[in-house]
Each structure stands twice: as structure tokens, then as C-alpha cells.
Amino acid sequence: MVKLRWEPPEKDGGRPISHYHIEMKDKHSLDWVEVAQTPDTNCEGQVTGLKEGTIYSFRVRAANKAGVGDASEPTDNHKCKHKNQKPRIDRTDFKSVTIKVGRSHKWVVDFVGEPDPDVEWIFKNSVVSSSDRINIENTDHHTEFSVTNAKRKDAGLYTLKIENRNGMDSETVELVVLGKPAKCQGPLDVSDVHDTGCTLQWEEPKDDGGLPIKAYEVEKMDLATGKWVRCGKCPGSVVPPFFKVEGLEPGHQYKFRVTAVNDEGDSEPLEADQAILAKNPFDVASAPGRPEITDYDNKSVDLKWVVPEKDGGAPIQKYIVQKKDR
């Protein structure tokens, strides 16, 4: 139903106005159709039987004993809708989505509500506005939210909230953005160094790229060659991750780095701060002083000697005494 009001004509044609004829047409029709007559000369009337969602125009003709006069200027297009309606989001195509880093996505959502609801898009508890990579367009009962050149930081829950004086409706969907893992967290710790190997340990990346870490690639560089060479993998399920390096050349210096791998690719490598020397942690002790005979008999001899000047970096555990027949 729609109510209309108008001003009487400037000229009545010499006869009093008796009543008015109301005509209408929908947006897609070429013909005007009479839909109502007023019972008297009051300049107001109403039209019923309209179809919700259809756009109509209306005009009025004055009538006297001479007949029906010319039509007034038509109203603007008017969409038939409820005057008071609680907001409601059309969830048909408003779904969570998964894209890759660098790709784009657009949510297109229709809704109803009268009067026109206020529209807000919310991400991480903040109202989102258009920016260099995000564009929001709100029109009559329609909103579009687009993300271009998506980044990992765009991933998360997005809430569409619409509200008017008759109520509120909201819907939350998730944008999943898949990418390569972030760099592993350091430092890359090198321990248990010996002449042919060592142990490496590090921390998982803060961001796995939205996918499980499949493995950690471990590489070594012999400073004599300056080339990085793969030396093994650590399964992504190992927490905290570590790797035992083997096959080092004794006496050579090495650097190490580790890369996280998921289905989207490899992270930037985490490199150890310093090179290590492939050697045992302790050297052999230097020779003790020359033994002196302090006592003897026909079956034994007592000896004494001076301790070695250098213990090789570890306490002397024992001495080995050897003899030779002359």
C-alpha cells in the first residue's frame, strides 16, 4: 500500500473539481493504468494491491462535470517495500573462502531492512574502511567487500553487521590466505660439535603460512668452497625442531642454515650467527715428564713423573704405563 498527496490544479476549467483519478505504472511498463478514484475533492488517496519489490510511478488527474483533465507530473520511481522491517542478510552466497597470497576476492551480499540499515564490516574487532587494497561499496540493500593482492595478515574472521531501529543481523565468515611460511625463529643453535658432526636446534616459524610445516631443510656451507649443500631434513612434526649433522670434514669450518617448507613453498632461511670448526671438543694431553725409578726389587719397580703441561682441555683421568725389555 502507498499513500499519495498532491496540490489541487491551478485552474478548474470553470467547473468545480468533483474528484481525482489515480494512475500508476511499473518501471518496465509503457502504459499508465487507473487504479483508484477519490470519493471527494480531498487531495490525497491510497493505492493497494502492490507487489513487494516492484518499482512504481504514480500520477493524478482532476475530474469535473466536463470530464477528466490532464495528468500531473509523475512521482519519482518508488520501490514497494515494508516501511518497518527488521534487517536480514541473504546468506546464500556469503561463505568462507580460501585464496592464495597475491590473489583477490570479493564478497557480494544482498540484504533487506527498512528503513535502510547501517552497514559495517568488522575485522579483528575494528570497523573496516576502504584502503589501497580493500574496497567497500554500499548501495541500496547491497554491499560489496573486495580484497586485492591478499596478504597473510588479511586472513581471519570478517563480520558483516547491518542494523536499523527495528533490529540487527550479522554474519561472520573466514578468509583463509595461504602462503609460504615465515622465517624460522632463531637463534640457530649449534651444539655437541665434534670432528665429523654437530647438533642444530631452532624454533618454529611464528606463521606457518596457513598450512602445516612439512619439513625443515638443513644446509651446510664449507667455508673452503663457499657453496651451500643440502645435508638433510627434519620432519615438520618434531617440536622443538632439531637436526644431527654428520659427515663433516675434520678441521674444516662450516656455517649452517635451515628453511621451513609447506605446500606453498619455502621460507627465507635462518642462518647460524657464526661458523664452527669441525673438531673434537678436547685434545689429547701433552706428554708427561720422564719417569724416575724411586724403588725396585726382583719383581717390581716404583715410578714417578711430572704431570703433562697441557691436559687437552679436560682433566687427566688416568695414565698408561708401558715397559720394554732390553
C-alpha atoms as a PDB file:
ATOM      1  CA  MET A   1       0.000   0.000   0.000  1.00  0.00           C
ATOM      2  CA  VAL A   2       1.101   3.539  -0.787  1.00  0.00           C
ATOM      3  CA  LYS A   3      -0.416   6.850   0.299  1.00  0.00           C
ATOM      4  CA  LEU A   4      -0.318   9.866  -2.018  1.00  0.00           C
ATOM      5  CA  ARG A   5      -0.851  13.584  -1.508  1.00  0.00           C
ATOM      6  CA  TRP A   6      -0.945  16.406  -4.075  1.00  0.00           C
ATOM      7  CA  GLU A   7      -1.906  20.021  -4.679  1.00  0.00           C
ATOM      8  CA  PRO A   8      -5.186  20.910  -6.478  1.00  0.00           C
ATOM      9  CA  PRO A   9      -4.881  22.205 -10.068  1.00  0.00           C
ATOM     10  CA  GLU A  10      -4.399  25.939 -10.587  1.00  0.00           C
ATOM     11  CA  LYS A  11      -7.404  26.020 -12.918  1.00  0.00           C
ATOM     12  CA  ASP A  12     -10.642  24.057 -12.509  1.00  0.00           C
ATOM     13  CA  GLY A  13     -11.868  24.687 -16.101  1.00  0.00           C
ATOM     14  CA  GLY A  14     -14.821  26.755 -14.920  1.00  0.00           C
ATOM     15  CA  ARG A  15     -16.463  23.879 -13.092  1.00  0.00           C
ATOM     16  CA  PRO A  16     -15.741  22.687  -9.543  1.00  0.00           C
ATOM     17  CA  ILE A  17     -13.444  19.687  -9.115  1.00  0.00           C
ATOM     18  CA  SER A  18     -15.537  16.682  -8.093  1.00  0.00           C
ATOM     19  CA  HIS A  19     -12.873  14.020  -7.506  1.00  0.00           C
ATOM     20  CA  TYR A  20      -9.482  12.704  -8.685  1.00  0.00           C
ATOM     21  CA  HIS A  21      -8.292   9.698 -10.702  1.00  0.00           C
ATOM     22  CA  ILE A  22      -5.057   7.971  -9.592  1.00  0.00           C
ATOM     23  CA  GLU A  23      -2.951   6.169 -12.206  1.00  0.00           C
ATOM     24  CA  MET A  24       0.186   4.090 -11.940  1.00  0.00           C
ATOM     25  CA  LYS A  25       2.676   2.079 -13.969  1.00  0.00           C
ATOM     26  CA  ASP A  26       5.570  -0.152 -13.020  1.00  0.00           C
ATOM     27  CA  LYS A  27       9.126   0.595 -14.099  1.00  0.00           C
ATOM     28  CA  HIS A  28       9.055  -1.815 -17.023  1.00  0.00           C
ATOM     29  CA  SER A  29       5.600  -0.878 -18.390  1.00  0.00           C
ATOM     30  CA  LEU A  30       4.830   1.712 -21.080  1.00  0.00           C
ATOM     31  CA  ASP A  31       1.146   2.187 -20.199  1.00  0.00           C
ATOM     32  CA  TRP A  32      -0.482   4.034 -17.327  1.00  0.00           C
ATOM     33  CA  VAL A  33      -3.331   2.236 -15.592  1.00  0.00           C
ATOM     34  CA  GLU A  34      -6.060   3.807 -13.457  1.00  0.00           C
ATOM     35  CA  VAL A  35      -6.008   2.153 -10.061  1.00  0.00           C
ATOM     36  CA  ALA A  36      -8.170   4.356  -7.809  1.00  0.00           C
ATOM     37  CA  GLN A  37     -10.562   7.324  -7.575  1.00  0.00           C
ATOM     38  CA  THR A  38     -11.037   9.621  -4.625  1.00  0.00           C
ATOM     39  CA  PRO A  39     -14.554   9.893  -3.173  1.00  0.00           C
ATOM     40  CA  ASP A  40     -14.336  13.684  -2.939  1.00  0.00           C
ATOM     41  CA  THR A  41     -12.093  16.660  -3.592  1.00  0.00           C
ATOM     42  CA  ASN A  42      -9.566  15.899  -0.838  1.00  0.00           C
ATOM     43  CA  CYS A  43      -6.101  15.859  -2.405  1.00  0.00           C
ATOM     44  CA  GLU A  44      -4.976  12.543  -1.005  1.00  0.00           C
ATOM     45  CA  GLY A  45      -5.531   8.878  -1.716  1.00  0.00           C
ATOM     46  CA  GLN A  46      -4.050   5.440  -1.415  1.00  0.00           C
ATOM     47  CA  VAL A  47      -3.273   2.510  -3.676  1.00  0.00           C
ATOM     48  CA  THR A  48      -3.337  -1.107  -2.506  1.00  0.00           C
ATOM     49  CA  GLY A  49      -2.544  -4.468  -4.054  1.00  0.00           C
ATOM     50  CA  LEU A  50       1.046  -3.623  -4.936  1.00  0.00           C
ATOM     51  CA  LYS A  51       3.735  -6.289  -5.389  1.00  0.00           C
ATOM     52  CA  GLU A  52       6.634  -6.185  -2.950  1.00  0.00           C
ATOM     53  CA  GLY A  53       9.920  -5.340  -4.616  1.00  0.00           C
ATOM     54  CA  THR A  54       8.302  -3.817  -7.732  1.00  0.00           C
ATOM     55  CA  ILE A  55       9.119  -0.217  -8.671  1.00  0.00           C
ATOM     56  CA  TYR A  56       6.122   2.014  -9.440  1.00  0.00           C
ATOM     57  CA  SER A  57       5.362   5.602 -10.531  1.00  0.00           C
ATOM     58  CA  PHE A  58       2.071   7.429  -9.826  1.00  0.00           C
ATOM     59  CA  ARG A  59       0.195  10.407 -11.267  1.00  0.00           C
ATOM     60  CA  VAL A  60      -3.180  12.102 -10.716  1.00  0.00           C
ATOM     61  CA  ARG A  61      -5.941  13.583 -12.932  1.00  0.00           C
ATOM     62  CA  ALA A  62      -8.620  16.020 -11.707  1.00  0.00           C
ATOM     63  CA  ALA A  63     -12.256  15.443 -12.782  1.00  0.00           C
ATOM     64  CA  ASN A  64     -15.270  17.806 -13.057  1.00  0.00           C
ATOM     65  CA  LYS A  65     -18.540  17.756 -14.991  1.00  0.00           C
ATOM     66  CA  ALA A  66     -16.632  18.441 -18.209  1.00  0.00           C
ATOM     67  CA  GLY A  67     -14.594  15.244 -17.773  1.00  0.00           C
ATOM     68  CA  VAL A  68     -11.114  14.170 -16.696  1.00  0.00           C
ATOM     69  CA  GLY A  69      -8.280  16.658 -17.077  1.00  0.00           C
ATOM     70  CA  ASP A  70      -4.619  16.298 -17.950  1.00  0.00           C
ATOM     71  CA  ALA A  71      -2.339  14.184 -15.800  1.00  0.00           C
ATOM     72  CA  SER A  72       0.013  15.626 -13.215  1.00  0.00           C
ATOM     73  CA  GLU A  73       3.750  15.151 -13.340  1.00  0.00           C
ATOM     74  CA  PRO A  74       4.517  11.580 -12.190  1.00  0.00           C
ATOM     75  CA  THR A  75       6.166  10.760  -8.911  1.00  0.00           C
ATOM     76  CA  ASP A  76       9.717   9.510  -8.775  1.00  0.00           C
ATOM     77  CA  ASN A  77      10.141   5.761  -9.024  1.00  0.00           C
ATOM     78  CA  HIS A  78       9.099   4.122  -5.767  1.00  0.00           C
ATOM     79  CA  LYS A  79      10.019   0.592  -4.717  1.00  0.00           C
ATOM     80  CA  CYS A  80       7.238  -1.221  -2.933  1.00  0.00           C
ATOM     81  CA  LYS A  81       8.631  -2.354   0.408  1.00  0.00           C
ATOM     82  CA  HIS A  82       7.863  -2.564   4.089  1.00  0.00           C
ATOM     83  CA  LYS A  83       8.040   0.703   5.968  1.00  0.00           C
ATOM     84  CA  ASN A  84       9.410  -1.025   9.055  1.00  0.00           C
ATOM     85  CA  GLN A  85      11.372  -4.230   8.590  1.00  0.00           C
ATOM     86  CA  LYS A  86      13.988  -5.961  10.711  1.00  0.00           C
ATOM     87  CA  PRO A  87      17.315  -6.295   8.854  1.00  0.00           C
ATOM     88  CA  ARG A  88      18.115  -9.686   7.375  1.00  0.00           C
ATOM     89  CA  ILE A  89      21.247 -10.756   5.468  1.00  0.00           C
ATOM     90  CA  ASP A  90      20.937 -13.010   2.435  1.00  0.00           C
ATOM     91  CA  ARG A  91      23.440 -15.738   3.319  1.00  0.00           C
ATOM     92  CA  THR A  92      23.031 -17.691   0.079  1.00  0.00           C
ATOM     93  CA  ASP A  93      26.417 -16.758  -1.415  1.00  0.00           C
ATOM     94  CA  PHE A  94      28.071 -15.284   1.674  1.00  0.00           C
ATOM     95  CA  LYS A  95      30.543 -18.042   2.564  1.00  0.00           C
ATOM     96  CA  SER A  96      34.049 -18.547   3.924  1.00  0.00           C
ATOM     97  CA  VAL A  97      36.719 -18.743   1.239  1.00  0.00           C
ATOM     98  CA  THR A  98      40.344 -19.852   0.801  1.00  0.00           C
ATOM     99  CA  ILE A  99      42.725 -18.000  -1.527  1.00  0.00           C
ATOM    100  CA  LYS A 100      46.487 -17.756  -2.036  1.00  0.00           C
ATOM    101  CA  VAL A 101      48.752 -14.823  -1.246  1.00  0.00           C
ATOM    102  CA  GLY A 102      48.575 -12.256  -4.047  1.00  0.00           C
ATOM    103  CA  ARG A 103      45.095 -13.286  -5.219  1.00  0.00           C
ATOM    104  CA  SER A 104      41.866 -11.282  -4.861  1.00  0.00           C
ATOM    105  CA  HIS A 105      38.370 -11.991  -3.571  1.00  0.00           C
ATOM    106  CA  LYS A 106      35.034 -10.169  -3.459  1.00  0.00           C
ATOM    107  CA  TRP A 107      32.009 -10.837  -1.257  1.00  0.00           C
ATOM    108  CA  VAL A 108      28.743  -9.610  -2.780  1.00  0.00           C
ATOM    109  CA  VAL A 109      25.866  -9.600  -0.284  1.00  0.00           C
ATOM    110  CA  ASP A 110      22.219  -8.544  -0.513  1.00  0.00           C
ATOM    111  CA  PHE A 111      20.061  -7.742   2.495  1.00  0.00           C
ATOM    112  CA  VAL A 112      16.645  -6.351   3.447  1.00  0.00           C
ATOM    113  CA  GLY A 113      15.507  -3.936   6.124  1.00  0.00           C
ATOM    114  CA  GLU A 114      13.508  -0.729   6.445  1.00  0.00           C
ATOM    115  CA  PRO A 115      14.491   1.926   6.953  1.00  0.00           C
ATOM    116  CA  ASP A 116      17.777   1.276   5.166  1.00  0.00           C
ATOM    117  CA  PRO A 117      20.131  -0.386   7.677  1.00  0.00           C
ATOM    118  CA  ASP A 118      23.553   0.946   8.592  1.00  0.00           C
ATOM    119  CA  VAL A 119      26.242  -1.384   7.232  1.00  0.00           C
ATOM    120  CA  GLU A 120      29.546  -2.256   8.916  1.00  0.00           C
ATOM    121  CA  TRP A 121      32.310  -4.710   8.067  1.00  0.00           C
ATOM    122  CA  ILE A 122      34.327  -5.751  11.136  1.00  0.00           C
ATOM    123  CA  PHE A 123      37.771  -7.408  11.229  1.00  0.00           C
ATOM    124  CA  LYS A 124      39.737  -8.115  14.412  1.00  0.00           C
ATOM    125  CA  ASN A 125      37.236  -6.091  16.478  1.00  0.00           C
ATOM    126  CA  SER A 126      37.660  -2.972  14.313  1.00  0.00           C
ATOM    127  CA  VAL A 127      35.370  -1.456  11.683  1.00  0.00           C
ATOM    128  CA  VAL A 128      36.995  -1.768   8.248  1.00  0.00           C
ATOM    129  CA  SER A 129      37.157   1.150   5.802  1.00  0.00           C
ATOM    130  CA  SER A 130      38.253   1.237   2.177  1.00  0.00           C
ATOM    131  CA  SER A 131      42.038   1.410   1.691  1.00  0.00           C
ATOM    132  CA  ASP A 132      44.629   0.748  -1.009  1.00  0.00           C
ATOM    133  CA  ARG A 133      43.837  -2.989  -1.152  1.00  0.00           C
ATOM    134  CA  ILE A 134      40.362  -3.116   0.395  1.00  0.00           C
ATOM    135  CA  ASN A 135      37.280  -1.633  -1.241  1.00  0.00           C
ATOM    136  CA  ILE A 136      33.804  -1.447   0.305  1.00  0.00           C
ATOM    137  CA  GLU A 137      30.768  -0.314  -1.700  1.00  0.00           C
ATOM    138  CA  ASN A 138      27.320   0.013  -0.129  1.00  0.00           C
ATOM    139  CA  THR A 139      24.237   0.661  -2.273  1.00  0.00           C
ATOM    140  CA  ASP A 140      20.506   0.121  -1.826  1.00  0.00           C
ATOM    141  CA  HIS A 141      20.205  -3.153   0.139  1.00  0.00           C
ATOM    142  CA  HIS A 142      23.513  -4.363  -1.277  1.00  0.00           C
ATOM    143  CA  THR A 143      27.145  -4.373  -0.110  1.00  0.00           C
ATOM    144  CA  GLU A 144      30.405  -5.462  -1.721  1.00  0.00           C
ATOM    145  CA  PHE A 145      33.691  -6.136   0.081  1.00  0.00           C
ATOM    146  CA  SER A 146      36.783  -6.823  -2.027  1.00  0.00           C
ATOM    147  CA  VAL A 147      40.398  -7.633  -1.133  1.00  0.00           C
ATOM    148  CA  THR A 148      43.095  -7.344  -3.796  1.00  0.00           C
ATOM    149  CA  ASN A 149      46.678  -8.651  -3.669  1.00  0.00           C
ATOM    150  CA  ALA A 150      45.847 -10.557  -0.491  1.00  0.00           C
ATOM    151  CA  LYS A 151      48.476 -10.900   2.206  1.00  0.00           C
ATOM    152  CA  ARG A 152      48.745 -13.280   5.126  1.00  0.00           C
ATOM    153  CA  LYS A 153      47.737 -10.502   7.512  1.00  0.00           C
ATOM    154  CA  ASP A 154      44.355 -10.292   5.744  1.00  0.00           C
ATOM    155  CA  ALA A 155      43.460 -13.804   6.917  1.00  0.00           C
ATOM    156  CA  GLY A 156      40.858 -14.093   9.664  1.00  0.00           C
ATOM    157  CA  LEU A 157      37.191 -13.678  10.535  1.00  0.00           C
ATOM    158  CA  TYR A 158      35.131 -10.946   8.858  1.00  0.00           C
ATOM    159  CA  THR A 159      31.733  -9.938  10.250  1.00  0.00           C
ATOM    160  CA  LEU A 160      29.031  -8.144   8.252  1.00  0.00           C
ATOM    161  CA  LYS A 161      26.706  -6.249  10.597  1.00  0.00           C
ATOM    162  CA  ILE A 162      23.528  -4.432   9.482  1.00  0.00           C
ATOM    163  CA  GLU A 163      21.304  -2.503  11.883  1.00  0.00           C
ATOM    164  CA  ASN A 164      18.293  -0.182  11.906  1.00  0.00           C
ATOM    165  CA  ARG A 165      15.733   0.875  14.503  1.00  0.00           C
ATOM    166  CA  ASN A 166      13.879  -2.416  14.074  1.00  0.00           C
ATOM    167  CA  GLY A 167      16.784  -4.708  14.863  1.00  0.00           C
ATOM    168  CA  MET A 168      20.164  -6.086  13.839  1.00  0.00           C
ATOM    169  CA  ASP A 169      21.567  -9.003  11.860  1.00  0.00           C
ATOM    170  CA  SER A 170      25.159 -10.174  11.458  1.00  0.00           C
ATOM    171  CA  GLU A 171      27.089 -12.968   9.813  1.00  0.00           C
ATOM    172  CA  THR A 172      30.748 -13.984  10.187  1.00  0.00           C
ATOM    173  CA  VAL A 173      32.831 -15.695   7.506  1.00  0.00           C
ATOM    174  CA  GLU A 174      36.506 -16.590   7.304  1.00  0.00           C
ATOM    175  CA  LEU A 175      39.078 -15.531   4.754  1.00  0.00           C
ATOM    176  CA  VAL A 176      41.911 -18.067   4.627  1.00  0.00           C
ATOM    177  CA  VAL A 177      45.039 -16.779   2.872  1.00  0.00           C
ATOM    178  CA  LEU A 178      47.649 -19.435   2.136  1.00  0.00           C
ATOM    179  CA  GLY A 179      51.316 -18.599   1.627  1.00  0.00           C
ATOM    180  CA  LYS A 180      54.881 -19.648   2.341  1.00  0.00           C
ATOM    181  CA  PRO A 181      55.941 -19.997   5.985  1.00  0.00           C
ATOM    182  CA  ALA A 182      57.650 -17.171   7.800  1.00  0.00           C
ATOM    183  CA  LYS A 183      61.349 -17.467   8.609  1.00  0.00           C
ATOM    184  CA  CYS A 184      62.159 -19.901  11.429  1.00  0.00           C
ATOM    185  CA  GLN A 185      62.701 -18.258  14.800  1.00  0.00           C
ATOM    186  CA  GLY A 186      66.283 -18.082  15.934  1.00  0.00           C
ATOM    187  CA  PRO A 187      68.879 -18.271  17.014  1.00  0.00           C
ATOM    188  CA  LEU A 188      70.030 -21.344  15.111  1.00  0.00           C
ATOM    189  CA  ASP A 189      71.887 -23.016  17.966  1.00  0.00           C
ATOM    190  CA  VAL A 190      74.899 -25.244  17.185  1.00  0.00           C
ATOM    191  CA  SER A 191      75.936 -27.673  19.934  1.00  0.00           C
ATOM    192  CA  ASP A 192      77.717 -31.000  20.528  1.00  0.00           C
ATOM    193  CA  VAL A 193      80.388 -30.114  17.979  1.00  0.00           C
ATOM    194  CA  HIS A 194      82.906 -32.866  17.213  1.00  0.00           C
ATOM    195  CA  ASP A 195      85.266 -33.677  14.368  1.00  0.00           C
ATOM    196  CA  THR A 196      82.608 -35.060  11.958  1.00  0.00           C
ATOM    197  CA  GLY A 197      79.308 -33.560  13.114  1.00  0.00           C
ATOM    198  CA  CYS A 198      77.203 -31.395  15.421  1.00  0.00           C
ATOM    199  CA  THR A 199      73.592 -30.798  16.542  1.00  0.00           C
ATOM    200  CA  LEU A 200      71.376 -27.916  15.329  1.00  0.00           C
ATOM    201  CA  GLN A 201      68.270 -26.604  17.112  1.00  0.00           C
ATOM    202  CA  TRP A 202      65.856 -23.737  16.349  1.00  0.00           C
ATOM    203  CA  GLU A 203      62.248 -22.585  16.904  1.00  0.00           C
ATOM    204  CA  GLU A 204      59.218 -22.984  14.636  1.00  0.00           C
ATOM    205  CA  PRO A 205      58.122 -20.014  12.460  1.00  0.00           C
ATOM    206  CA  LYS A 206      55.598 -17.656  14.048  1.00  0.00           C
ATOM    207  CA  ASP A 207      53.482 -18.001  10.893  1.00  0.00           C
ATOM    208  CA  ASP A 208      53.159 -21.364   9.154  1.00  0.00           C
ATOM    209  CA  GLY A 209      51.561 -19.757   6.071  1.00  0.00           C
ATOM    210  CA  GLY A 210      48.171 -21.257   6.907  1.00  0.00           C
ATOM    211  CA  LEU A 211      49.384 -24.800   6.203  1.00  0.00           C
ATOM    212  CA  PRO A 212      51.255 -27.436   8.229  1.00  0.00           C
ATOM    213  CA  ILE A 213      55.045 -27.325   8.099  1.00  0.00           C
ATOM    214  CA  LYS A 214      56.014 -30.434   6.101  1.00  0.00           C
ATOM    215  CA  ALA A 215      59.734 -30.370   6.854  1.00  0.00           C
ATOM    216  CA  TYR A 216      62.766 -28.243   7.633  1.00  0.00           C
ATOM    217  CA  GLU A 217      65.550 -28.277   5.036  1.00  0.00           C
ATOM    218  CA  VAL A 218      69.033 -28.118   6.584  1.00  0.00           C
ATOM    219  CA  GLU A 219      72.054 -26.898   4.599  1.00  0.00           C
ATOM    220  CA  LYS A 220      75.756 -26.561   5.344  1.00  0.00           C
ATOM    221  CA  MET A 221      78.500 -24.466   3.804  1.00  0.00           C
ATOM    222  CA  ASP A 222      82.151 -25.494   3.930  1.00  0.00           C
ATOM    223  CA  LEU A 223      83.931 -22.132   4.067  1.00  0.00           C
ATOM    224  CA  ALA A 224      86.648 -23.630   1.893  1.00  0.00           C
ATOM    225  CA  THR A 225      84.166 -23.927  -1.015  1.00  0.00           C
ATOM    226  CA  GLY A 226      81.635 -21.165  -0.234  1.00  0.00           C
ATOM    227  CA  LYS A 227      78.746 -23.308  -1.534  1.00  0.00           C
ATOM    228  CA  TRP A 228      75.563 -24.275   0.294  1.00  0.00           C
ATOM    229  CA  VAL A 229      74.894 -28.026   0.208  1.00  0.00           C
ATOM    230  CA  ARG A 230      71.790 -29.823   1.464  1.00  0.00           C
ATOM    231  CA  CYS A 231      72.618 -32.128   4.351  1.00  0.00           C
ATOM    232  CA  GLY A 232      69.193 -33.396   5.427  1.00  0.00           C
ATOM    233  CA  LYS A 233      65.623 -32.803   6.591  1.00  0.00           C
ATOM    234  CA  CYS A 234      63.882 -32.524   9.931  1.00  0.00           C
ATOM    235  CA  PRO A 235      60.204 -33.626   9.919  1.00  0.00           C
ATOM    236  CA  GLY A 236      57.771 -30.766  10.495  1.00  0.00           C
ATOM    237  CA  SER A 237      56.124 -32.704  13.328  1.00  0.00           C
ATOM    238  CA  VAL A 238      59.234 -32.515  15.542  1.00  0.00           C
ATOM    239  CA  VAL A 239      58.830 -29.917  18.322  1.00  0.00           C
ATOM    240  CA  PRO A 240      61.150 -28.229  19.026  1.00  0.00           C
ATOM    241  CA  PRO A 241      62.861 -28.975  15.713  1.00  0.00           C
ATOM    242  CA  PHE A 242      66.458 -30.215  15.706  1.00  0.00           C
ATOM    243  CA  PHE A 243      68.873 -31.999  13.371  1.00  0.00           C
ATOM    244  CA  LYS A 244      72.044 -34.015  13.901  1.00  0.00           C
ATOM    245  CA  VAL A 245      74.605 -33.130  11.229  1.00  0.00           C
ATOM    246  CA  GLU A 246      77.001 -35.860  10.102  1.00  0.00           C
ATOM    247  CA  GLY A 247      79.744 -36.214   7.522  1.00  0.00           C
ATOM    248  CA  LEU A 248      81.772 -33.067   8.257  1.00  0.00           C
ATOM    249  CA  GLU A 249      85.430 -32.947   7.249  1.00  0.00           C
ATOM    250  CA  PRO A 250      87.608 -32.752  10.376  1.00  0.00           C
ATOM    251  CA  GLY A 251      89.400 -29.435  10.647  1.00  0.00           C
ATOM    252  CA  HIS A 252      87.071 -27.615   8.218  1.00  0.00           C
ATOM    253  CA  GLN A 253      84.929 -24.598   9.132  1.00  0.00           C
ATOM    254  CA  TYR A 254      81.182 -24.717   8.463  1.00  0.00           C
ATOM    255  CA  LYS A 255      78.125 -22.484   8.514  1.00  0.00           C
ATOM    256  CA  PHE A 256      74.545 -23.786   8.694  1.00  0.00           C
ATOM    257  CA  ARG A 257      71.073 -22.587   7.736  1.00  0.00           C
ATOM    258  CA  VAL A 258      67.538 -24.000   7.944  1.00  0.00           C
ATOM    259  CA  THR A 259      64.387 -23.390   5.846  1.00  0.00           C
ATOM    260  CA  ALA A 260      60.741 -24.193   6.711  1.00  0.00           C
ATOM    261  CA  VAL A 261      58.714 -25.870   3.938  1.00  0.00           C
ATOM    262  CA  ASN A 262      54.936 -26.151   3.395  1.00  0.00           C
ATOM    263  CA  ASP A 263      52.788 -26.904   0.325  1.00  0.00           C
ATOM    264  CA  GLU A 264      53.124 -23.288  -0.855  1.00  0.00           C
ATOM    265  CA  GLY A 265      56.922 -23.224  -0.833  1.00  0.00           C
ATOM    266  CA  ASP A 266      59.992 -22.417   1.256  1.00  0.00           C
ATOM    267  CA  SER A 267      60.545 -19.735   3.862  1.00  0.00           C
ATOM    268  CA  GLU A 268      63.552 -17.457   3.936  1.00  0.00           C
ATOM    269  CA  PRO A 269      66.488 -19.311   5.544  1.00  0.00           C
ATOM    270  CA  LEU A 270      67.556 -18.837   9.149  1.00  0.00           C
ATOM    271  CA  GLU A 271      71.352 -18.791   9.291  1.00  0.00           C
ATOM    272  CA  ALA A 272      73.638 -19.530  12.237  1.00  0.00           C
ATOM    273  CA  ASP A 273      75.409 -16.453  13.588  1.00  0.00           C
ATOM    274  CA  GLN A 274      78.927 -17.920  13.416  1.00  0.00           C
ATOM    275  CA  ALA A 275      80.852 -20.672  11.685  1.00  0.00           C
ATOM    276  CA  ILE A 276      82.085 -23.677  13.673  1.00  0.00           C
ATOM    277  CA  LEU A 277      85.300 -25.687  13.410  1.00  0.00           C
ATOM    278  CA  ALA A 278      84.756 -29.426  12.974  1.00  0.00           C
ATOM    279  CA  LYS A 279      86.931 -30.813  15.773  1.00  0.00           C
ATOM    280  CA  ASN A 280      86.558 -32.784  18.941  1.00  0.00           C
ATOM    281  CA  PRO A 281      85.906 -30.633  21.988  1.00  0.00           C
ATOM    282  CA  PHE A 282      89.056 -31.917  23.767  1.00  0.00           C
ATOM    283  CA  ASP A 283      92.622 -32.523  22.532  1.00  0.00           C
ATOM    284  CA  VAL A 284      94.924 -35.264  23.763  1.00  0.00           C
ATOM    285  CA  ALA A 285      97.116 -34.288  26.663  1.00  0.00           C
ATOM    286  CA  SER A 286     100.780 -33.468  26.141  1.00  0.00           C
ATOM    287  CA  ALA A 287     103.438 -35.981  27.246  1.00  0.00           C
ATOM    288  CA  PRO A 288     104.134 -36.361  30.970  1.00  0.00           C
ATOM    289  CA  GLY A 289     107.619 -35.777  32.360  1.00  0.00           C
ATOM    290  CA  ARG A 290     110.303 -38.503  32.073  1.00  0.00           C
ATOM    291  CA  PRO A 291     109.621 -41.300  34.599  1.00  0.00           C
ATOM    292  CA  GLU A 292     112.048 -41.768  37.514  1.00  0.00           C
ATOM    293  CA  ILE A 293     112.612 -45.058  39.352  1.00  0.00           C
ATOM    294  CA  THR A 294     112.081 -44.496  43.053  1.00  0.00           C
ATOM    295  CA  ASP A 295     112.340 -48.128  44.262  1.00  0.00           C
ATOM    296  CA  TYR A 296     112.595 -51.668  42.927  1.00  0.00           C
ATOM    297  CA  ASP A 297     113.104 -55.345  43.748  1.00  0.00           C
ATOM    298  CA  ASN A 298     113.397 -58.519  41.737  1.00  0.00           C
ATOM    299  CA  LYS A 299     109.687 -58.475  40.763  1.00  0.00           C
ATOM    300  CA  SER A 300     108.539 -54.784  40.608  1.00  0.00           C
ATOM    301  CA  VAL A 301     109.529 -51.197  40.252  1.00  0.00           C
ATOM    302  CA  ASP A 302     108.098 -47.920  41.605  1.00  0.00           C
ATOM    303  CA  LEU A 303     107.930 -44.931  39.256  1.00  0.00           C
ATOM    304  CA  LYS A 304     107.117 -41.232  39.488  1.00  0.00           C
ATOM    305  CA  TRP A 305     106.758 -38.462  36.865  1.00  0.00           C
ATOM    306  CA  VAL A 306     105.668 -34.876  36.350  1.00  0.00           C
ATOM    307  CA  VAL A 307     102.118 -34.247  35.101  1.00  0.00           C
ATOM    308  CA  PRO A 308     101.734 -33.027  31.468  1.00  0.00           C
ATOM    309  CA  GLU A 309     101.980 -29.294  30.864  1.00  0.00           C
ATOM    310  CA  LYS A 310      98.689 -29.424  28.899  1.00  0.00           C
ATOM    311  CA  ASP A 311      95.684 -31.575  29.759  1.00  0.00           C
ATOM    312  CA  GLY A 312      93.975 -31.054  26.336  1.00  0.00           C
ATOM    313  CA  GLY A 313      91.082 -29.129  27.872  1.00  0.00           C
ATOM    314  CA  ALA A 314      89.837 -31.916  30.167  1.00  0.00           C
ATOM    315  CA  PRO A 315      91.043 -33.364  33.472  1.00  0.00           C
ATOM    316  CA  ILE A 316      93.564 -36.212  33.264  1.00  0.00           C
ATOM    317  CA  GLN A 317      91.632 -39.410  34.012  1.00  0.00           C
ATOM    318  CA  LYS A 318      94.473 -41.943  34.178  1.00  0.00           C
ATOM    319  CA  TYR A 319      97.975 -42.780  32.984  1.00  0.00           C
ATOM    320  CA  ILE A 320      99.054 -45.732  30.869  1.00  0.00           C
ATOM    321  CA  VAL A 321     102.423 -47.235  31.857  1.00  0.00           C
ATOM    322  CA  GLN A 322     104.368 -49.154  29.238  1.00  0.00           C
ATOM    323  CA  LYS A 323     107.502 -51.286  29.523  1.00  0.00           C
ATOM    324  CA  LYS A 324     110.114 -52.566  27.107  1.00  0.00           C
ATOM    325  CA  ASP A 325     112.570 -55.417  27.538  1.00  0.00           C
ATOM    326  CA  ARG A 326     116.184 -54.622  26.725  1.00  0.00           C
END
